[in-house]
Amino acid sequence: MGDILDRATYDDEAFPSLLDENGNRKPFERFLNDVRKIDRTYNENYLRSEYNFVQASAEMAAKWEQFQQDGDRYYLQYRTQHDDKVRPEHAALDCVTLPIDDPFWEEYYPPNGWNCRCTVVQVRKSKYQPTPHDQAMALGEQATGKDTKGIFHFNPGIQQKTVPDYNPYTIRRCRDCDLGKEKLAFVPDNELCAACKLIHQLEIKKYCCPLNGS
């Protein structure tokens, strides 16, 4: 899990590593102090949510690796913490049971939100019936429907990353940007860097408000 946590620094400039000099996970208080050496105004509550999300992603990625070792011997079952802190939309996913190769796990494998404490366990096929795929996908969409940035629609174990490539923190789209070929392909706003946004605005302005000889 440490290897995955080491890749959790989703912005090398703004965020230090989650691991200390010995390769162990830093306590949140030390991580907060390290961040504030770079940005003293960073919101502690936001950072704690992000810290918890990265930690949960790393833990779930490690579990996925263990699941893969057993192949399809077991079903995987979604589990909540069964307390009054569980969000209703996550509670609806409790006990969703599917094979490991079902596409559901590619999109709705925990964590499915900030401070999500949900997990996945292996269960015997002889004991549980699988949930209908369409029903599971509908429940997953309800649980992550407010995720307009797409940060929760991924499986950290499959991608071996604590956050997906396209997210509010790291912008990877520029690596294969078509601007170098003098093309402006449509991509969602959260996948655009600041330079691309400016160029898109100028391009739109050029077509909508052509220059009058100036």
Protein backbone atom coordinates (compact mmCIF):
# COMPACT_ATOMS: atom_id res chain seq x y z
CA MET A 1 0.00 0.00 0.00
CA GLY A 2 2.93 2.33 0.64
CA ASP A 3 3.84 2.21 -3.04
CA ILE A 4 0.36 3.42 -3.96
CA LEU A 5 0.38 6.08 -1.25
CA ASP A 6 3.67 7.36 -2.60
CA ARG A 7 1.87 8.06 -5.88
CA ALA A 8 -0.83 9.91 -3.95
CA THR A 9 0.83 13.31 -4.28
CA TYR A 10 -1.68 14.49 -6.85
CA ASP A 11 0.08 17.85 -7.25
CA ASP A 12 3.84 17.74 -6.76
CA GLU A 13 4.02 21.49 -6.21
CA ALA A 14 1.09 21.91 -3.84
CA PHE A 15 1.13 18.61 -1.99
CA PRO A 16 4.07 16.87 -0.29
CA SER A 17 4.27 13.10 -0.12
CA LEU A 18 1.93 11.23 2.22
CA LEU A 19 4.91 9.09 3.24
CA ASP A 20 7.65 10.06 5.67
CA GLU A 21 11.40 9.57 5.22
CA ASN A 22 11.05 5.93 6.38
CA GLY A 23 8.29 5.12 3.89
CA ASN A 24 5.52 5.14 6.51
CA ARG A 25 2.24 7.02 6.16
CA LYS A 26 2.41 10.41 7.83
CA PRO A 27 -0.15 11.23 10.53
CA PHE A 28 -2.63 13.81 9.28
CA GLU A 29 -1.26 16.53 11.57
CA ARG A 30 2.23 16.22 10.05
CA PHE A 31 0.82 16.14 6.54
CA LEU A 32 -1.18 19.31 7.31
CA ASN A 33 1.94 21.05 8.61
CA ASP A 34 3.87 20.07 5.47
CA VAL A 35 1.13 21.43 3.23
CA ARG A 36 0.94 24.69 5.16
CA LYS A 37 4.65 25.23 4.61
CA ILE A 38 3.63 25.65 0.97
CA ASP A 39 0.20 27.24 1.42
CA ARG A 40 -0.64 28.57 4.90
CA THR A 41 -4.25 29.28 3.91
CA TYR A 42 -5.15 25.74 2.88
CA ASN A 43 -8.48 24.68 4.39
CA GLU A 44 -7.88 22.02 7.06
CA ASN A 45 -11.30 20.38 6.61
CA TYR A 46 -10.84 20.07 2.86
CA LEU A 47 -7.35 18.67 3.31
CA ARG A 48 -8.55 16.11 5.85
CA SER A 49 -11.22 14.91 3.42
CA GLU A 50 -8.63 14.65 0.65
CA TYR A 51 -6.19 12.87 2.98
CA ASN A 52 -8.89 10.38 4.01
CA PHE A 53 -9.86 9.82 0.37
CA VAL A 54 -6.29 9.07 -0.72
CA GLN A 55 -5.76 6.76 2.25
CA ALA A 56 -9.02 4.89 1.56
CA SER A 57 -8.13 4.59 -2.13
CA ALA A 58 -4.75 3.10 -1.29
CA GLU A 59 -6.30 0.61 1.13
CA MET A 60 -8.97 -0.42 -1.38
CA ALA A 61 -6.35 -0.76 -4.12
CA ALA A 62 -4.41 -3.14 -1.88
CA LYS A 63 -7.59 -5.17 -1.28
CA TRP A 64 -8.23 -5.35 -5.02
CA GLU A 65 -4.80 -6.89 -5.54
CA GLN A 66 -5.69 -9.56 -2.99
CA PHE A 67 -9.05 -10.19 -4.70
CA GLN A 68 -7.31 -10.68 -8.03
CA GLN A 69 -5.09 -13.38 -6.59
CA ASP A 70 -8.20 -15.47 -5.88
CA GLY A 71 -9.65 -14.85 -9.33
CA ASP A 72 -13.32 -15.70 -9.65
CA ARG A 73 -13.50 -18.12 -6.71
CA TYR A 74 -15.62 -15.63 -4.77
CA TYR A 75 -18.19 -12.93 -5.38
CA LEU A 76 -17.38 -9.44 -4.19
CA GLN A 77 -19.89 -7.75 -1.90
CA TYR A 78 -20.26 -4.04 -1.14
CA ARG A 79 -20.42 -3.26 2.58
CA THR A 80 -21.10 -0.09 4.57
CA GLN A 81 -20.20 0.59 8.20
CA HIS A 82 -23.85 0.04 9.29
CA ASP A 83 -24.04 3.12 11.50
CA ASP A 84 -25.91 6.42 11.49
CA LYS A 85 -23.11 8.17 9.60
CA VAL A 86 -23.67 6.16 6.41
CA ARG A 87 -25.19 8.22 3.59
CA PRO A 88 -28.58 6.87 2.44
CA GLU A 89 -27.37 6.53 -1.16
CA HIS A 90 -24.39 4.48 0.04
CA ALA A 91 -26.59 2.43 2.36
CA ALA A 92 -28.58 1.42 -0.72
CA LEU A 93 -25.43 -0.22 -2.10
CA ASP A 94 -24.94 -2.37 1.01
CA CYS A 95 -24.78 -6.07 0.11
CA VAL A 96 -24.63 -5.50 -3.67
CA THR A 97 -22.99 -8.75 -4.73
CA LEU A 98 -21.30 -9.32 -8.09
CA PRO A 99 -18.48 -11.29 -9.74
CA ILE A 100 -15.08 -9.63 -9.71
CA ASP A 101 -15.19 -9.13 -13.49
CA ASP A 102 -18.51 -7.27 -13.49
CA PRO A 103 -18.09 -3.72 -14.91
CA PHE A 104 -19.82 -2.36 -11.79
CA TRP A 105 -16.53 -2.58 -9.91
CA GLU A 106 -14.77 -0.45 -12.52
CA GLU A 107 -16.95 2.56 -11.64
CA TYR A 108 -18.42 2.07 -8.18
CA TYR A 109 -15.65 0.44 -6.17
CA PRO A 110 -15.10 2.41 -2.94
CA PRO A 111 -14.36 5.09 -1.92
CA ASN A 112 -17.43 6.62 -3.54
CA GLY A 113 -17.31 10.07 -1.97
CA TRP A 114 -15.44 12.31 0.43
CA ASN A 115 -14.88 10.53 3.75
CA CYS A 116 -16.54 7.39 2.37
CA ARG A 117 -15.91 4.45 4.72
CA CYS A 118 -17.46 1.76 2.54
CA THR A 119 -15.53 -1.37 1.69
CA VAL A 120 -15.77 -4.57 -0.35
CA VAL A 121 -15.39 -8.13 0.91
CA GLN A 122 -15.21 -11.57 -0.65
CA VAL A 123 -18.21 -13.86 -0.09
CA ARG A 124 -18.86 -17.49 -0.98
CA LYS A 125 -20.79 -18.04 -4.18
CA SER A 126 -22.77 -20.81 -2.54
CA LYS A 127 -24.10 -18.41 0.10
CA TYR A 128 -25.13 -15.36 -1.95
CA GLN A 129 -26.96 -14.68 -5.18
CA PRO A 130 -25.48 -12.01 -7.46
CA THR A 131 -27.29 -8.70 -7.73
CA PRO A 132 -28.75 -8.02 -11.21
CA HIS A 133 -26.16 -5.96 -13.07
CA ASP A 134 -28.53 -3.19 -14.20
CA GLN A 135 -29.90 -2.79 -10.68
CA ALA A 136 -26.39 -2.51 -9.25
CA MET A 137 -25.36 0.07 -11.86
CA ALA A 138 -28.45 2.18 -11.14
CA LEU A 139 -27.69 2.14 -7.41
CA GLY A 140 -24.08 3.06 -8.09
CA GLU A 141 -25.12 6.02 -10.23
CA GLN A 142 -27.43 7.24 -7.47
CA ALA A 143 -24.61 6.99 -4.95
CA THR A 144 -22.22 9.07 -7.09
CA GLY A 145 -24.71 11.25 -8.96
CA LYS A 146 -23.40 14.44 -7.36
CA ASP A 147 -19.88 13.69 -8.59
CA THR A 148 -19.79 16.24 -11.42
CA LYS A 149 -15.98 16.06 -11.63
CA GLY A 150 -15.80 12.30 -12.13
CA ILE A 151 -13.30 11.80 -9.32
CA PHE A 152 -15.24 8.94 -7.69
CA HIS A 153 -16.04 6.94 -10.84
CA PHE A 154 -12.98 4.72 -10.87
CA ASN A 155 -11.32 1.69 -9.29
CA PRO A 156 -7.99 2.55 -7.62
CA GLY A 157 -6.96 -1.11 -7.71
CA ILE A 158 -7.42 -1.46 -11.47
CA GLN A 159 -5.85 1.91 -12.25
CA GLN A 160 -3.17 1.61 -9.53
CA LYS A 161 -3.78 5.26 -8.65
CA THR A 162 -5.32 6.93 -5.64
CA VAL A 163 -7.14 9.47 -7.83
CA PRO A 164 -8.12 9.16 -11.51
CA ASP A 165 -6.06 10.95 -14.16
CA TYR A 166 -8.80 13.44 -14.93
CA ASN A 167 -9.70 15.19 -11.69
CA PRO A 168 -9.74 18.68 -10.14
CA TYR A 169 -6.18 18.27 -8.82
CA THR A 170 -4.09 16.94 -11.69
CA ILE A 171 -4.71 17.68 -15.33
CA ARG A 172 -3.36 15.03 -17.68
CA ARG A 173 -5.29 15.96 -20.81
CA CYS A 174 -2.49 18.29 -22.01
CA ARG A 175 -0.29 15.26 -22.69
CA ASP A 176 -2.36 14.30 -25.72
CA CYS A 177 -3.76 17.74 -26.51
CA ASP A 178 -4.75 18.32 -30.13
CA LEU A 179 -3.78 21.98 -29.96
CA GLY A 180 -0.34 21.05 -31.23
CA LYS A 181 -2.05 19.96 -34.43
CA GLU A 182 -4.00 23.23 -34.57
CA LYS A 183 -7.22 21.50 -33.58
CA LEU A 184 -9.58 22.29 -30.73
CA ALA A 185 -11.29 19.07 -29.68
CA PHE A 186 -14.08 19.27 -27.12
CA VAL A 187 -13.21 17.98 -23.67
CA PRO A 188 -15.01 18.63 -20.36
CA ASP A 189 -13.98 21.77 -18.50
CA ASN A 190 -12.42 19.83 -15.63
CA GLU A 191 -10.03 18.16 -18.10
CA LEU A 192 -8.73 21.45 -19.50
CA CYS A 193 -5.69 23.27 -18.23
CA ALA A 194 -5.83 27.06 -17.79
CA ALA A 195 -4.04 27.62 -21.09
CA CYS A 196 -6.51 25.47 -22.99
CA LYS A 197 -9.45 27.30 -21.43
CA LEU A 198 -8.03 30.64 -22.53
CA ILE A 199 -7.41 29.40 -26.07
CA HIS A 200 -10.93 27.97 -26.26
CA GLN A 201 -12.35 31.32 -25.13
CA LEU A 202 -10.32 33.19 -27.75
CA GLU A 203 -11.36 30.73 -30.43
CA ILE A 204 -15.04 31.15 -29.56
CA LYS A 205 -14.66 34.92 -29.48
CA LYS A 206 -12.99 34.88 -32.91
CA TYR A 207 -15.92 33.08 -34.49
CA CYS A 208 -18.65 34.94 -32.60
CA CYS A 209 -17.13 38.44 -32.71
CA PRO A 210 -14.78 38.71 -35.71
CA LEU A 211 -12.31 41.56 -35.63
CA ASN A 212 -13.42 44.69 -37.51
CA GLY A 213 -10.24 45.46 -39.32
CA SER A 214 -8.27 46.06 -36.11
